[in-house]
Each structure stands twice: as C-alpha cells, then as structure tokens.
Protein backbone atom coordinates (compact mmCIF):
# COMPACT_ATOMS: atom_id res chain seq x y z
CA UNK A 1 -12.52 -9.42 33.78
CA UNK A 2 -8.99 -8.11 32.23
CA UNK A 3 -7.77 -9.59 29.59
CA UNK A 4 -3.73 -10.19 29.34
CA UNK A 5 -3.69 -9.33 26.28
CA UNK A 6 -5.55 -6.15 27.40
CA UNK A 7 -3.80 -5.01 30.10
CA UNK A 8 -0.20 -5.56 28.40
CA UNK A 9 -1.98 -3.46 25.34
CA UNK A 10 -3.13 -0.97 27.42
CA UNK A 11 0.52 -0.19 29.16
CA UNK A 12 2.28 -0.59 25.94
CA UNK A 13 0.09 2.51 24.81
CA UNK A 14 1.37 4.43 28.21
CA UNK A 15 5.31 3.18 28.24
CA UNK A 16 7.73 3.59 25.32
CA UNK A 17 9.78 0.31 26.60
CA UNK A 18 7.92 -2.32 28.37
CA UNK A 19 10.56 -4.39 29.16
CA UNK A 20 10.04 -3.69 33.15
CA UNK A 21 6.04 -4.23 32.38
CA UNK A 22 6.46 -7.59 31.42
CA UNK A 23 8.93 -8.87 34.12
CA UNK A 24 6.03 -7.58 36.35
CA UNK A 25 3.59 -9.22 34.29
CA UNK A 26 5.33 -12.15 34.31
CA UNK A 27 6.18 -12.11 37.84
CA UNK A 28 2.92 -11.21 39.49
CA UNK A 29 0.72 -14.25 37.52
CA UNK A 30 3.61 -16.68 37.06
CA UNK A 31 4.16 -17.05 33.44
CA UNK A 32 6.85 -17.06 31.25
CA UNK A 33 7.76 -15.05 28.32
CA UNK A 34 6.15 -17.39 25.83
CA UNK A 35 2.11 -16.38 27.75
CA UNK A 36 2.61 -13.02 27.42
CA UNK A 37 0.87 -12.70 24.40
CA UNK A 38 -1.99 -14.96 25.49
CA UNK A 39 -5.34 -14.15 25.58
CA UNK A 40 -5.86 -15.14 29.76
CA UNK A 41 -7.88 -14.00 32.08
CA UNK A 42 -6.01 -12.07 34.76
CA UNK A 43 -7.80 -12.15 38.61
CA UNK A 44 -8.72 -9.45 40.26
CA UNK A 45 -6.07 -10.11 43.29
CA UNK A 46 -3.05 -10.18 40.50
CA UNK A 47 -4.51 -7.06 38.47
CA UNK A 48 -4.03 -5.26 42.44
CA UNK A 49 -1.04 -7.15 42.66
CA UNK A 50 0.64 -5.73 39.11
CA UNK A 51 -0.91 -2.22 40.08
CA UNK A 52 1.37 -1.54 43.07
CA UNK A 53 4.60 -3.20 41.18
CA UNK A 54 4.17 -0.40 38.52
CA UNK A 55 3.32 2.49 41.07
CA UNK A 56 6.82 1.28 42.73
CA UNK A 57 8.46 1.27 39.15
CA UNK A 58 6.68 5.01 38.57
CA UNK A 59 8.49 5.76 41.65
CA UNK A 60 11.95 5.24 40.21
CA UNK A 61 12.42 1.52 41.84
CA UNK A 62 14.47 -0.62 39.89
CA UNK A 63 12.29 -3.58 38.62
CA UNK A 64 14.63 -6.16 39.88
CA UNK A 65 14.22 -5.30 43.20
CA UNK A 66 10.42 -5.31 42.74
CA UNK A 67 10.06 -8.86 41.86
CA UNK A 68 13.25 -9.29 44.42
CA UNK A 69 14.81 -11.38 41.50
CA UNK A 70 17.53 -11.16 38.38
CA UNK A 71 19.26 -13.32 36.55
CA UNK A 72 22.81 -13.65 35.81
CA UNK A 73 24.73 -15.68 33.82
CA UNK A 74 21.96 -17.87 32.87
CA UNK A 75 21.56 -18.54 36.75
CA UNK A 76 18.54 -16.99 38.77
CA UNK A 77 19.48 -14.76 41.84
CA UNK A 78 17.36 -12.97 44.34
CA UNK A 79 18.20 -9.82 45.17
CA UNK A 80 17.06 -6.64 47.29
CA UNK A 81 18.59 -3.61 48.68
CA UNK A 82 20.80 -4.57 50.72
CA UNK A 83 22.42 -5.65 47.21
CA UNK A 84 23.72 -4.18 43.95
CA UNK A 85 21.26 -5.51 41.33
CA UNK A 86 23.77 -7.98 39.15
CA UNK A 87 24.70 -6.56 35.66
CA UNK A 88 25.66 -7.64 32.18
CA UNK A 89 28.89 -5.77 32.52
CA UNK A 90 30.45 -8.13 35.38
CA UNK A 91 29.53 -11.55 33.55
CA UNK A 92 32.40 -10.77 31.29
CA UNK A 93 34.16 -10.43 34.86
CA UNK A 94 33.25 -13.82 35.59
CA UNK A 95 33.81 -15.36 31.87
CA UNK A 96 37.42 -13.94 32.29
CA UNK A 97 38.21 -16.08 35.26
CA UNK A 98 36.27 -18.73 34.11
CA UNK A 99 38.16 -19.54 30.78
CA UNK A 100 41.65 -18.51 32.98
CA UNK A 101 40.57 -21.48 35.34
CA UNK A 102 39.36 -24.08 32.44
CA UNK A 103 40.82 -27.51 33.85
CA UNK A 104 42.00 -26.72 37.17
CA UNK A 105 41.25 -27.19 40.59
CA UNK A 106 41.91 -23.15 42.18
CA UNK A 107 40.82 -21.49 45.28
CA UNK A 108 39.32 -18.36 44.34
CA UNK A 109 38.76 -15.81 46.59
CA UNK A 110 35.84 -12.59 45.78
CA UNK A 111 36.20 -9.44 47.75
CA UNK A 112 32.88 -8.02 47.96
CA UNK A 113 30.23 -10.60 47.03
CA UNK A 114 27.16 -8.60 47.78
CA UNK A 115 24.75 -11.57 46.39
CA UNK A 116 26.87 -13.73 45.49
CA UNK A 117 26.44 -13.70 41.94
CA UNK A 118 29.89 -13.58 40.90
CA UNK A 119 30.89 -16.80 43.84
CA UNK A 120 28.03 -18.65 42.91
CA UNK A 121 28.58 -18.04 38.90
CA UNK A 122 32.28 -19.59 39.00
CA UNK A 123 31.13 -22.57 41.46
CA UNK A 124 28.51 -23.22 39.24
CA UNK A 125 30.72 -23.21 35.80
CA UNK A 126 34.27 -24.65 38.04
CA UNK A 127 32.72 -27.41 39.82
CA UNK A 128 36.47 -28.09 41.15
CA UNK A 129 36.79 -24.82 42.20
CA UNK A 130 37.04 -24.11 46.35
CA UNK A 131 35.57 -20.57 46.86
CA UNK A 132 35.34 -18.06 49.56
CA UNK A 133 33.11 -14.47 49.64
CA UNK A 134 33.45 -12.08 51.77
CA UNK A 135 31.28 -8.91 52.12
CA UNK A 136 31.22 -5.85 55.36
CA UNK A 137 27.35 -6.22 55.32
CA UNK A 138 25.43 -9.11 57.12
CA UNK A 139 21.98 -8.64 55.15
CA UNK A 140 24.50 -8.74 51.67
CA UNK A 141 26.05 -12.26 53.29
CA UNK A 142 22.75 -13.87 54.03
CA UNK A 143 21.30 -12.99 50.36
CA UNK A 144 24.46 -14.70 48.84
CA UNK A 145 24.12 -17.90 51.16
CA UNK A 146 20.27 -17.57 50.05
CA UNK A 147 21.33 -17.88 46.24
CA UNK A 148 24.52 -19.96 46.87
CA UNK A 149 21.69 -22.91 48.41
CA UNK A 150 19.19 -22.10 45.75
CA UNK A 151 21.32 -22.94 42.62
CA UNK A 152 23.21 -25.61 44.55
CA UNK A 153 26.45 -24.29 45.23
CA UNK A 154 26.14 -24.04 49.39
CA UNK A 155 28.74 -26.89 49.74
CA UNK A 156 31.64 -24.89 47.45
CA UNK A 157 31.33 -21.31 48.73
CA UNK A 158 32.48 -20.16 52.23
CA UNK A 159 31.05 -16.81 53.27
CA UNK A 160 31.94 -14.84 55.69
CA UNK A 161 31.60 -10.75 56.74
CA UNK A 162 35.22 -9.23 56.60
CA UNK A 163 36.67 -4.87 55.52
CA UNK A 164 38.74 -5.19 53.13
CA UNK A 165 39.84 -1.82 53.73
CA UNK A 166 41.17 -3.61 57.37
CA UNK A 167 43.71 -5.54 55.34
CA UNK A 168 43.85 -9.03 53.17
CA UNK A 169 42.39 -11.89 55.39
CA UNK A 170 44.17 -15.16 56.16
CA UNK A 171 43.79 -18.56 54.82
CA UNK A 172 45.01 -22.20 55.15
CA UNK A 173 45.97 -21.88 51.52
CA UNK A 174 47.09 -18.74 49.56
CA UNK A 175 44.29 -17.58 46.77
CA UNK A 176 45.50 -18.84 43.23
CA UNK A 177 42.45 -16.29 42.02
CA UNK A 178 41.35 -12.70 43.52
CA UNK A 179 38.45 -11.78 41.76
CA UNK A 180 36.30 -8.62 42.98
CA UNK A 181 33.64 -5.83 41.38
CA UNK A 182 34.20 -3.11 43.89
CA UNK A 183 32.98 -0.03 44.77
CA UNK A 184 34.66 2.39 41.95
CA UNK A 185 32.04 5.71 41.49
CA UNK A 186 33.79 8.70 42.34
CA UNK A 187 32.07 10.34 45.38
CA UNK A 188 30.97 13.79 43.63
CA UNK A 189 29.72 11.46 40.94
CA UNK A 190 26.88 9.43 42.83
CA UNK A 191 24.74 12.72 43.41
CA UNK A 192 24.51 12.67 39.14
CA UNK A 193 23.90 8.87 38.83
CA UNK A 194 20.47 7.62 37.53
CA UNK A 195 17.59 7.83 40.62
CA UNK A 196 17.17 3.98 40.01
CA UNK A 197 21.13 3.49 41.48
CA UNK A 198 21.36 6.73 43.48
CA UNK A 199 18.10 6.56 45.66
CA UNK A 200 17.90 2.36 45.81
CA UNK A 201 21.21 0.81 45.20
CA UNK A 202 23.62 0.65 48.64
CA UNK A 203 25.93 3.74 48.55
CA UNK A 204 28.57 1.27 50.24
CA UNK A 205 28.88 -0.75 47.28
CA UNK A 206 28.90 2.25 45.25
CA UNK A 207 30.90 4.97 46.90
CA UNK A 208 34.97 4.17 45.57
CA UNK A 209 36.11 7.46 47.54
CA UNK A 210 37.04 10.58 46.05
CA UNK A 211 38.83 9.74 42.62
CA UNK A 212 36.99 6.06 42.73
CA UNK A 213 40.31 4.16 43.56
CA UNK A 214 39.92 3.63 47.43
CA UNK A 215 39.50 -0.02 47.02
CA UNK A 216 41.46 -0.96 44.12
CA UNK A 217 44.33 0.91 46.14
CA UNK A 218 44.07 -1.41 49.23
CA UNK A 219 43.25 -4.72 47.14
CA UNK A 220 46.50 -4.31 45.20
CA UNK A 221 48.54 -3.55 47.71
CA UNK A 222 47.32 -6.07 50.12
CA UNK A 223 46.64 -9.09 47.98
CA UNK A 224 47.92 -12.09 48.73
CA UNK A 225 48.42 -14.50 45.43
CA UNK A 226 50.37 -17.33 44.76
CA UNK A 227 53.31 -16.90 41.65
CA UNK A 228 51.28 -16.21 38.94
CA UNK A 229 47.94 -16.27 40.72
CA UNK A 230 45.39 -13.99 39.10
CA UNK A 231 43.90 -10.56 40.38
CA UNK A 232 40.60 -9.72 37.96
CA UNK A 233 38.51 -6.79 38.76
CA UNK A 234 36.34 -4.82 37.08
CA UNK A 235 36.53 -1.13 36.64
CA UNK A 236 34.93 1.64 35.73
CA UNK A 237 35.37 2.74 31.96
CA UNK A 238 37.44 5.68 32.44
CA UNK A 239 39.60 3.72 34.94
CA UNK A 240 42.17 1.51 32.91
CA UNK A 241 45.31 3.64 33.23
CA UNK A 242 45.05 4.27 36.99
CA UNK A 243 44.15 0.64 37.82
CA UNK A 244 47.25 -0.72 35.63
CA UNK A 245 49.42 1.75 36.90
CA UNK A 246 49.05 0.72 40.59
CA UNK A 247 49.30 -2.71 39.44
CA UNK A 248 52.63 -2.82 37.93
CA UNK A 249 55.09 -2.90 40.36
CA UNK A 250 53.14 -6.60 41.88
CA UNK A 251 51.65 -7.97 38.49
CA UNK A 252 52.69 -9.21 34.64
CA UNK A 253 50.91 -9.74 31.88
CA UNK A 254 48.10 -6.82 32.66
CA UNK A 255 45.42 -7.58 30.20
CA UNK A 256 41.91 -5.33 29.55
CA UNK A 257 38.58 -6.54 28.27
CA UNK A 258 35.94 -4.41 27.24
CA UNK A 259 32.90 -4.50 27.77
CA UNK A 260 30.21 -5.00 24.52
CA UNK A 261 29.77 -0.86 24.26
CA UNK A 262 33.78 -1.03 23.91
CA UNK A 263 34.70 0.41 27.49
CA UNK A 264 37.38 -0.89 29.30
CA UNK A 265 35.72 -2.81 31.82
CA UNK A 266 37.98 -5.67 33.41
CA UNK A 267 41.93 -5.84 34.32
CA UNK A 268 43.43 -9.04 34.77
CA UNK A 269 47.24 -9.22 35.91
CA UNK A 270 49.14 -12.24 37.03
CA UNK A 271 51.06 -12.00 40.65
CA UNK A 272 55.06 -11.56 39.78
C-alpha cells in the first residue's frame, strides 16, 4: 500500500509548486493540512481518485473546480464552472464595505453575485444587514443559494435573477449600499488570459466589452442609492481613471483602495 509521505514526495519531485496537489490530497483523503506530513496509508480507491483529479489539474482545470470548494473571507464556498472562483482581491472589496457599515443596519444590493461569496460574507460579518443579490445565471444563483444556506445566512439574503444591463431593479426600499465585482476584462484581452481562466471560468463573468467598461457605465448611470449611500466596485488594475471619471457626476468622496501588489483594486463613492 502506498504511504502518504511517499506519495507526496513523489509529487514534490514532479511539481515545483505542489500547493494544488496538497489541496487535492486533503480533499481526496478527507484530511487537514496538519496531517499532510504523516506517514499514513493511502487506500487504492483514494489513489485512483487522486490520480483522476491530478489528470484534470494537468489539463489546466483550476483546482477549485476539481474539489468544488474555495475559501473566501475564512468561509467555505462551493464553486463550479458556472461561477467565477472567489479571489483574494475581492476580499478587499468586502472588507471595505464591512468597515463602512459598522454599527449600522444597511440594505445592501449586490450586482452579479456568482458564487454568492460577496453577499454571504457581508451577511455573515454585518449581522444587522439586509441583502439582495442578483445574477443573470440560474446555475450561479443555485450555487449562491446553496452557499448561503451552508454558511447560515439563508434568511438574510434574497437572491433573484436579473440582467443589470436592462436596468436597475425596483425595491421596496432604496439601497444604502450597492456593491459589485462586475465583468471588466476587455473583450480582446480574454484570449490572452491564462487558460485556467479563459478555458474554464464563465465568459459572461469576465467580458466587460470592448473597453472593459460596459457594466461600470450601466451600474453608475442607473444606480439608485440613498443620498450618502455607498457604491463599492472592484476594478481592473488599469481602470481607475476611467471608472473615476464615470462616477464624478453623481458621487462624492471617491476613494481608491489598492491590493496587496499596490494595484488599484476597489473604487468607492458616496451618492450625491
């Protein structure tokens, strides 16, 4: 019988970075990181499962789609090819909204919820929040609803199907916060992206049009917020000036938040 330590040593000799391999090993064996270095036996059935998953990894498929899981804001989310994989950059967007909603009971509307990672995280950390979240994809909404239930926020979030390009939805109350990580990749750039992104993640969640700004224009021009209400958007590293210019006519106190690599990543503004 193959032992885990031996198996991991084998993969370490093949792969320079075995982080994804470790994720597959933990997922297939049902163990946490602390047990990765133990000399425990690996059953033949588990070994076959591991080899199948590594074959998918070698084909370029992101490890989060292989395991069906991704951690975000210290919460676990289910993901599949109908949703973008939650990324650390988007945690910056969530953290900024949490900071600005501390001590309040806001009505938050998220546009393009995908896996639900933003809406669910906000509901988890802002206990008094009421949240609505939309997406154009039925399959994404199914995953978002599942993630909400799994993280105990099912009663706090209303998920619904809506295409923001057709206009801003009507609510009984005007939102205090609108938040979104919209598609912002320029159409012509998509083919140059890493194949893990362009070949596996949903195109509709990536393609921001010819200049990458289609969704920003629609959101900014159609958004309905209370005076002083917060608009919080994730942006591409080179989109600060363009999105800032779109916001100037309706928003004050515009701020840019950088990511860990010092790239512009989040833009915030208060409704005039």
